[in-house]
C-alpha atoms as a PDB file:
ATOM      1  CA  UNK A   1     -18.608  -6.973  -4.602  1.00  0.00           C
ATOM      2  CA  UNK A   2     -19.601  -7.517  -8.371  1.00  0.00           C
ATOM      3  CA  UNK A   3     -19.988  -4.128  -8.560  1.00  0.00           C
ATOM      4  CA  UNK A   4     -16.890  -3.265  -7.032  1.00  0.00           C
ATOM      5  CA  UNK A   5     -15.175  -5.454  -9.226  1.00  0.00           C
ATOM      6  CA  UNK A   6     -16.752  -4.255 -12.503  1.00  0.00           C
ATOM      7  CA  UNK A   7     -15.716  -0.392 -11.305  1.00  0.00           C
ATOM      8  CA  UNK A   8     -12.211  -1.435 -10.617  1.00  0.00           C
ATOM      9  CA  UNK A   9     -12.074  -2.867 -14.349  1.00  0.00           C
ATOM     10  CA  UNK A  10     -13.643   0.136 -15.742  1.00  0.00           C
ATOM     11  CA  UNK A  11     -11.378   2.629 -13.914  1.00  0.00           C
ATOM     12  CA  UNK A  12      -8.084   0.476 -14.934  1.00  0.00           C
ATOM     13  CA  UNK A  13      -9.486   0.365 -18.586  1.00  0.00           C
ATOM     14  CA  UNK A  14      -9.869   4.072 -18.569  1.00  0.00           C
ATOM     15  CA  UNK A  15      -6.264   4.638 -17.032  1.00  0.00           C
ATOM     16  CA  UNK A  16      -4.745   2.618 -19.974  1.00  0.00           C
ATOM     17  CA  UNK A  17      -2.593   4.522 -22.384  1.00  0.00           C
ATOM     18  CA  UNK A  18      -4.178   3.473 -25.509  1.00  0.00           C
ATOM     19  CA  UNK A  19      -2.062   5.864 -27.745  1.00  0.00           C
ATOM     20  CA  UNK A  20       0.757   3.080 -26.967  1.00  0.00           C
ATOM     21  CA  UNK A  21      -0.774   0.996 -29.500  1.00  0.00           C
ATOM     22  CA  UNK A  22      -1.312   3.338 -32.285  1.00  0.00           C
ATOM     23  CA  UNK A  23       1.034   2.731 -35.201  1.00  0.00           C
ATOM     24  CA  UNK A  24       2.224   4.844 -37.993  1.00  0.00           C
ATOM     25  CA  UNK A  25       3.647   3.737 -41.183  1.00  0.00           C
ATOM     26  CA  UNK A  26       6.371   6.031 -42.510  1.00  0.00           C
ATOM     27  CA  UNK A  27       6.268   4.962 -46.335  1.00  0.00           C
ATOM     28  CA  UNK A  28       9.080   3.834 -48.486  1.00  0.00           C
ATOM     29  CA  UNK A  29      10.433   6.813 -50.401  1.00  0.00           C
ATOM     30  CA  UNK A  30      10.153   9.192 -47.403  1.00  0.00           C
ATOM     31  CA  UNK A  31      13.382  11.285 -47.123  1.00  0.00           C
ATOM     32  CA  UNK A  32      15.023  11.493 -43.538  1.00  0.00           C
ATOM     33  CA  UNK A  33      17.646  14.592 -43.150  1.00  0.00           C
ATOM     34  CA  UNK A  34      20.522  13.884 -40.680  1.00  0.00           C
ATOM     35  CA  UNK A  35      24.092  15.276 -40.075  1.00  0.00           C
ATOM     36  CA  UNK A  36      27.111  12.922 -39.715  1.00  0.00           C
ATOM     37  CA  UNK A  37      28.423  13.099 -35.898  1.00  0.00           C
ATOM     38  CA  UNK A  38      31.748  11.954 -36.573  1.00  0.00           C
ATOM     39  CA  UNK A  39      34.517  12.297 -39.445  1.00  0.00           C
ATOM     40  CA  UNK A  40      35.117   9.295 -41.478  1.00  0.00           C
ATOM     41  CA  UNK A  41      37.589   9.056 -44.585  1.00  0.00           C
ATOM     42  CA  UNK A  42      39.129   6.389 -46.519  1.00  0.00           C
ATOM     43  CA  UNK A  43      42.397   6.841 -45.088  1.00  0.00           C
ATOM     44  CA  UNK A  44      41.534   6.304 -41.496  1.00  0.00           C
ATOM     45  CA  UNK A  45      38.411   4.050 -41.608  1.00  0.00           C
ATOM     46  CA  UNK A  46      38.111   0.450 -42.897  1.00  0.00           C
ATOM     47  CA  UNK A  47      35.043  -1.396 -44.519  1.00  0.00           C
ATOM     48  CA  UNK A  48      32.737  -2.463 -41.902  1.00  0.00           C
ATOM     49  CA  UNK A  49      33.530   0.493 -39.512  1.00  0.00           C
ATOM     50  CA  UNK A  50      30.304   1.892 -37.750  1.00  0.00           C
ATOM     51  CA  UNK A  51      29.334   5.703 -37.998  1.00  0.00           C
ATOM     52  CA  UNK A  52      26.484   7.515 -36.713  1.00  0.00           C
ATOM     53  CA  UNK A  53      24.337  10.637 -37.600  1.00  0.00           C
ATOM     54  CA  UNK A  54      21.728  12.559 -35.895  1.00  0.00           C
ATOM     55  CA  UNK A  55      18.117  13.661 -37.412  1.00  0.00           C
ATOM     56  CA  UNK A  56      18.043  17.265 -38.110  1.00  0.00           C
ATOM     57  CA  UNK A  57      14.386  17.759 -39.178  1.00  0.00           C
ATOM     58  CA  UNK A  58      11.119  16.165 -37.700  1.00  0.00           C
ATOM     59  CA  UNK A  59       9.176  13.624 -39.635  1.00  0.00           C
ATOM     60  CA  UNK A  60       5.363  14.633 -39.333  1.00  0.00           C
ATOM     61  CA  UNK A  61       2.674  12.037 -39.805  1.00  0.00           C
ATOM     62  CA  UNK A  62      -1.069  13.639 -38.517  1.00  0.00           C
ATOM     63  CA  UNK A  63       0.501  16.205 -36.659  1.00  0.00           C
ATOM     64  CA  UNK A  64       2.690  13.977 -34.687  1.00  0.00           C
ATOM     65  CA  UNK A  65       6.690  13.957 -34.757  1.00  0.00           C
ATOM     66  CA  UNK A  66       6.828  10.432 -35.609  1.00  0.00           C
ATOM     67  CA  UNK A  67      10.605  10.592 -35.975  1.00  0.00           C
ATOM     68  CA  UNK A  68      11.741  13.334 -33.775  1.00  0.00           C
ATOM     69  CA  UNK A  69      14.960  15.555 -33.916  1.00  0.00           C
ATOM     70  CA  UNK A  70      17.669  14.097 -32.344  1.00  0.00           C
ATOM     71  CA  UNK A  71      16.705  10.258 -33.197  1.00  0.00           C
ATOM     72  CA  UNK A  72      20.195   8.510 -33.632  1.00  0.00           C
ATOM     73  CA  UNK A  73      20.776   6.678 -37.020  1.00  0.00           C
ATOM     74  CA  UNK A  74      23.373   4.004 -36.976  1.00  0.00           C
ATOM     75  CA  UNK A  75      25.215   2.165 -39.837  1.00  0.00           C
ATOM     76  CA  UNK A  76      28.210   0.730 -41.392  1.00  0.00           C
ATOM     77  CA  UNK A  77      30.721   1.275 -44.123  1.00  0.00           C
ATOM     78  CA  UNK A  78      29.584  -1.549 -46.723  1.00  0.00           C
ATOM     79  CA  UNK A  79      32.155  -0.608 -49.274  1.00  0.00           C
ATOM     80  CA  UNK A  80      35.416   1.296 -49.063  1.00  0.00           C
ATOM     81  CA  UNK A  81      38.330   1.725 -51.766  1.00  0.00           C
ATOM     82  CA  UNK A  82      40.913   4.273 -51.460  1.00  0.00           C
ATOM     83  CA  UNK A  83      41.801   6.340 -54.237  1.00  0.00           C
ATOM     84  CA  UNK A  84      44.231   4.583 -56.735  1.00  0.00           C
ATOM     85  CA  UNK A  85      47.355   5.795 -58.895  1.00  0.00           C
ATOM     86  CA  UNK A  86      45.487   5.790 -62.094  1.00  0.00           C
ATOM     87  CA  UNK A  87      41.989   5.916 -60.730  1.00  0.00           C
ATOM     88  CA  UNK A  88      42.541   8.574 -58.432  1.00  0.00           C
ATOM     89  CA  UNK A  89      38.934   8.587 -56.561  1.00  0.00           C
ATOM     90  CA  UNK A  90      38.319   7.397 -53.166  1.00  0.00           C
ATOM     91  CA  UNK A  91      34.687   5.506 -52.932  1.00  0.00           C
ATOM     92  CA  UNK A  92      32.489   4.761 -49.981  1.00  0.00           C
ATOM     93  CA  UNK A  93      29.166   3.414 -49.289  1.00  0.00           C
ATOM     94  CA  UNK A  94      27.482   4.220 -46.124  1.00  0.00           C
ATOM     95  CA  UNK A  95      24.552   2.045 -45.311  1.00  0.00           C
ATOM     96  CA  UNK A  96      22.138   2.769 -42.455  1.00  0.00           C
ATOM     97  CA  UNK A  97      20.600  -0.296 -40.250  1.00  0.00           C
ATOM     98  CA  UNK A  98      19.137   1.154 -37.394  1.00  0.00           C
ATOM     99  CA  UNK A  99      17.624   4.191 -35.845  1.00  0.00           C
ATOM    100  CA  UNK A 100      17.183   4.987 -32.025  1.00  0.00           C
ATOM    101  CA  UNK A 101      14.733   7.242 -30.805  1.00  0.00           C
ATOM    102  CA  UNK A 102      15.284   9.829 -27.893  1.00  0.00           C
ATOM    103  CA  UNK A 103      13.335   7.603 -25.500  1.00  0.00           C
ATOM    104  CA  UNK A 104      16.080   4.923 -26.413  1.00  0.00           C
ATOM    105  CA  UNK A 105      13.827   2.340 -28.619  1.00  0.00           C
ATOM    106  CA  UNK A 106      15.155   0.914 -31.670  1.00  0.00           C
ATOM    107  CA  UNK A 107      14.133   0.114 -35.170  1.00  0.00           C
ATOM    108  CA  UNK A 108      15.654  -2.030 -38.106  1.00  0.00           C
ATOM    109  CA  UNK A 109      15.798   0.400 -41.168  1.00  0.00           C
ATOM    110  CA  UNK A 110      16.428   0.233 -44.742  1.00  0.00           C
ATOM    111  CA  UNK A 111      17.445   3.268 -46.703  1.00  0.00           C
ATOM    112  CA  UNK A 112      19.777   4.708 -49.342  1.00  0.00           C
ATOM    113  CA  UNK A 113      22.051   7.734 -49.484  1.00  0.00           C
ATOM    114  CA  UNK A 114      20.296  10.563 -51.824  1.00  0.00           C
ATOM    115  CA  UNK A 115      23.041  13.201 -51.613  1.00  0.00           C
ATOM    116  CA  UNK A 116      25.421  14.892 -49.223  1.00  0.00           C
ATOM    117  CA  UNK A 117      26.135  18.717 -48.457  1.00  0.00           C
ATOM    118  CA  UNK A 118      28.873  20.241 -46.579  1.00  0.00           C
ATOM    119  CA  UNK A 119      32.140  18.360 -47.919  1.00  0.00           C
ATOM    120  CA  UNK A 120      33.956  19.471 -50.760  1.00  0.00           C
ATOM    121  CA  UNK A 121      34.523  17.575 -53.604  1.00  0.00           C
ATOM    122  CA  UNK A 122      32.094  14.869 -52.689  1.00  0.00           C
ATOM    123  CA  UNK A 123      29.024  13.237 -54.951  1.00  0.00           C
ATOM    124  CA  UNK A 124      26.379  10.566 -54.661  1.00  0.00           C
ATOM    125  CA  UNK A 125      27.154   8.646 -57.906  1.00  0.00           C
ATOM    126  CA  UNK A 126      24.781   5.613 -57.786  1.00  0.00           C
ATOM    127  CA  UNK A 127      21.485   4.191 -56.925  1.00  0.00           C
ATOM    128  CA  UNK A 128      23.277   2.233 -54.440  1.00  0.00           C
ATOM    129  CA  UNK A 129      24.165   5.709 -52.491  1.00  0.00           C
ATOM    130  CA  UNK A 130      28.136   5.075 -53.326  1.00  0.00           C
ATOM    131  CA  UNK A 131      29.881   8.406 -52.681  1.00  0.00           C
ATOM    132  CA  UNK A 132      32.773   9.530 -54.782  1.00  0.00           C
ATOM    133  CA  UNK A 133      35.340  11.759 -53.625  1.00  0.00           C
ATOM    134  CA  UNK A 134      37.173  14.619 -55.379  1.00  0.00           C
ATOM    135  CA  UNK A 135      39.284  13.780 -58.636  1.00  0.00           C
ATOM    136  CA  UNK A 136      42.728  14.392 -59.143  1.00  0.00           C
ATOM    137  CA  UNK A 137      42.761  15.149 -63.119  1.00  0.00           C
ATOM    138  CA  UNK A 138      42.658  18.731 -62.854  1.00  0.00           C
ATOM    139  CA  UNK A 139      45.918  18.769 -60.263  1.00  0.00           C
ATOM    140  CA  UNK A 140      47.646  16.208 -62.656  1.00  0.00           C
ATOM    141  CA  UNK A 141      47.030  18.339 -65.750  1.00  0.00           C
ATOM    142  CA  UNK A 142      48.549  21.634 -64.019  1.00  0.00           C
ATOM    143  CA  UNK A 143      51.431  19.418 -62.703  1.00  0.00           C
ATOM    144  CA  UNK A 144      52.282  17.929 -66.288  1.00  0.00           C
ATOM    145  CA  UNK A 145      51.900  21.478 -67.893  1.00  0.00           C
ATOM    146  CA  UNK A 146      54.349  23.062 -65.587  1.00  0.00           C
ATOM    147  CA  UNK A 147      56.736  20.360 -66.425  1.00  0.00           C
ATOM    148  CA  UNK A 148      56.536  20.803 -69.911  1.00  0.00           C
ATOM    149  CA  UNK A 149      56.828  24.302 -69.490  1.00  0.00           C
ATOM    150  CA  UNK A 150      59.597  23.920 -67.370  1.00  0.00           C
ATOM    151  CA  UNK A 151      61.615  21.691 -69.788  1.00  0.00           C
ATOM    152  CA  UNK A 152      60.788  23.861 -72.938  1.00  0.00           C
ATOM    153  CA  UNK A 153      62.053  26.733 -71.168  1.00  0.00           C
ATOM    154  CA  UNK A 154      65.204  24.916 -70.290  1.00  0.00           C
ATOM    155  CA  UNK A 155      65.399  23.447 -73.602  1.00  0.00           C
ATOM    156  CA  UNK A 156      65.220  26.823 -75.335  1.00  0.00           C
ATOM    157  CA  UNK A 157      68.265  27.970 -73.220  1.00  0.00           C
ATOM    158  CA  UNK A 158      70.223  24.973 -74.421  1.00  0.00           C
ATOM    159  CA  UNK A 159      69.005  24.000 -77.883  1.00  0.00           C
ATOM    160  CA  UNK A 160      66.408  26.837 -79.312  1.00  0.00           C
ATOM    161  CA  UNK A 161      63.452  25.555 -80.652  1.00  0.00           C
ATOM    162  CA  UNK A 162      64.106  21.828 -81.256  1.00  0.00           C
ATOM    163  CA  UNK A 163      65.700  22.180 -77.744  1.00  0.00           C
ATOM    164  CA  UNK A 164      62.254  23.446 -76.297  1.00  0.00           C
ATOM    165  CA  UNK A 165      60.061  20.592 -78.121  1.00  0.00           C
ATOM    166  CA  UNK A 166      62.450  18.165 -76.422  1.00  0.00           C
ATOM    167  CA  UNK A 167      62.809  19.750 -73.140  1.00  0.00           C
ATOM    168  CA  UNK A 168      58.634  19.919 -72.835  1.00  0.00           C
ATOM    169  CA  UNK A 169      58.658  16.601 -73.725  1.00  0.00           C
ATOM    170  CA  UNK A 170      61.068  15.417 -71.123  1.00  0.00           C
ATOM    171  CA  UNK A 171      59.418  17.628 -68.516  1.00  0.00           C
ATOM    172  CA  UNK A 172      55.935  16.422 -69.055  1.00  0.00           C
ATOM    173  CA  UNK A 173      56.652  12.883 -69.206  1.00  0.00           C
ATOM    174  CA  UNK A 174      58.487  13.176 -65.839  1.00  0.00           C
ATOM    175  CA  UNK A 175      55.470  14.955 -64.545  1.00  0.00           C
ATOM    176  CA  UNK A 176      53.080  12.246 -65.756  1.00  0.00           C
ATOM    177  CA  UNK A 177      55.217   9.474 -64.287  1.00  0.00           C
ATOM    178  CA  UNK A 178      55.253  11.217 -61.126  1.00  0.00           C
ATOM    179  CA  UNK A 179      51.556  11.356 -61.062  1.00  0.00           C
ATOM    180  CA  UNK A 180      51.132   7.788 -61.775  1.00  0.00           C
ATOM    181  CA  UNK A 181      53.271   7.231 -58.877  1.00  0.00           C
ATOM    182  CA  UNK A 182      51.114   9.008 -56.122  1.00  0.00           C
ATOM    183  CA  UNK A 183      47.901   8.010 -54.940  1.00  0.00           C
ATOM    184  CA  UNK A 184      44.983  10.180 -55.516  1.00  0.00           C
ATOM    185  CA  UNK A 185      43.386  12.665 -52.929  1.00  0.00           C
ATOM    186  CA  UNK A 186      41.387  10.895 -50.050  1.00  0.00           C
ATOM    187  CA  UNK A 187      37.788  10.832 -49.649  1.00  0.00           C
ATOM    188  CA  UNK A 188      37.014  12.696 -46.298  1.00  0.00           C
ATOM    189  CA  UNK A 189      33.408  13.344 -45.061  1.00  0.00           C
ATOM    190  CA  UNK A 190      33.800  15.449 -41.930  1.00  0.00           C
ATOM    191  CA  UNK A 191      31.408  15.824 -39.043  1.00  0.00           C
ATOM    192  CA  UNK A 192      28.685  18.021 -39.672  1.00  0.00           C
ATOM    193  CA  UNK A 193      27.899  16.972 -43.159  1.00  0.00           C
ATOM    194  CA  UNK A 194      24.218  17.055 -44.053  1.00  0.00           C
ATOM    195  CA  UNK A 195      22.936  13.729 -45.575  1.00  0.00           C
ATOM    196  CA  UNK A 196      19.419  12.946 -46.941  1.00  0.00           C
ATOM    197  CA  UNK A 197      18.524   9.389 -47.000  1.00  0.00           C
ATOM    198  CA  UNK A 198      15.549   7.869 -48.696  1.00  0.00           C
ATOM    199  CA  UNK A 199      13.531   4.800 -46.916  1.00  0.00           C
ATOM    200  CA  UNK A 200      13.602   1.866 -49.196  1.00  0.00           C
ATOM    201  CA  UNK A 201      11.098  -0.266 -47.323  1.00  0.00           C
ATOM    202  CA  UNK A 202       8.161   1.176 -45.171  1.00  0.00           C
ATOM    203  CA  UNK A 203       9.109   1.962 -41.535  1.00  0.00           C
ATOM    204  CA  UNK A 204       6.198   1.151 -39.001  1.00  0.00           C
ATOM    205  CA  UNK A 205       6.446   2.700 -35.319  1.00  0.00           C
ATOM    206  CA  UNK A 206       4.091   2.515 -32.429  1.00  0.00           C
ATOM    207  CA  UNK A 207       3.179   6.158 -31.317  1.00  0.00           C
ATOM    208  CA  UNK A 208       2.443   6.882 -27.877  1.00  0.00           C
ATOM    209  CA  UNK A 209       0.770   9.877 -25.921  1.00  0.00           C
ATOM    210  CA  UNK A 210       3.719  11.987 -25.560  1.00  0.00           C
ATOM    211  CA  UNK A 211       6.204  13.204 -28.559  1.00  0.00           C
ATOM    212  CA  UNK A 212       8.984  11.032 -27.694  1.00  0.00           C
ATOM    213  CA  UNK A 213       6.949   7.807 -26.744  1.00  0.00           C
ATOM    214  CA  UNK A 214       7.743   5.595 -29.971  1.00  0.00           C
ATOM    215  CA  UNK A 215       7.805   1.446 -28.841  1.00  0.00           C
ATOM    216  CA  UNK A 216       9.473  -1.287 -30.863  1.00  0.00           C
ATOM    217  CA  UNK A 217      11.333  -3.257 -28.439  1.00  0.00           C
ATOM    218  CA  UNK A 218      11.154  -7.022 -27.711  1.00  0.00           C
ATOM    219  CA  UNK A 219       9.509  -7.872 -24.576  1.00  0.00           C
ATOM    220  CA  UNK A 220      12.018  -9.625 -22.167  1.00  0.00           C
ATOM    221  CA  UNK A 221      11.810 -12.541 -19.472  1.00  0.00           C
ATOM    222  CA  UNK A 222      10.770  -9.605 -16.670  1.00  0.00           C
ATOM    223  CA  UNK A 223       8.211  -7.899 -18.583  1.00  0.00           C
END
């Protein structure tokens, strides 16, 4: 009886998936590559809105895909500022909070946006990962120049050189007032935009014996 019990215990131990207890540490400073899965903008979204992205490149440690392609990144817009009439630049900060692996297990995540590609005119401008949209200075200068040119031409027809000077000043002034009246161009980050985040804190994951087995869930009452 004792031998049978020992044998049963031994067989049970052999069948335990020890790899599930294997842990890997993704160090701070590691870059995670992802793509935005939805379009967000300063015109349609608000501070506090949620957003999602999908991991596009696997992160390997010791030959294992510790963070596999298709893992979902979730976060929120922690800062949003619409473009103003004088400062015509929209601004957002997209803060990551969680990563969910293909098997459904999730981890809290601390990371900052390094750069973004695929959206015209956007740029990451601070250590906090703030994203600025396209400015309106060039457009404003063109419109002011056009106003001065049009006013100067009309002034020349009416009063010669002096009329051209006065007409140009009036036309340029009117265009300048119009630029102050209007808001700048909205910041829009379309779905599919490539973004690279850098971990600011190490991430520990439990690696299983399958490529998609990563476990970090809290035990429930039925476990």
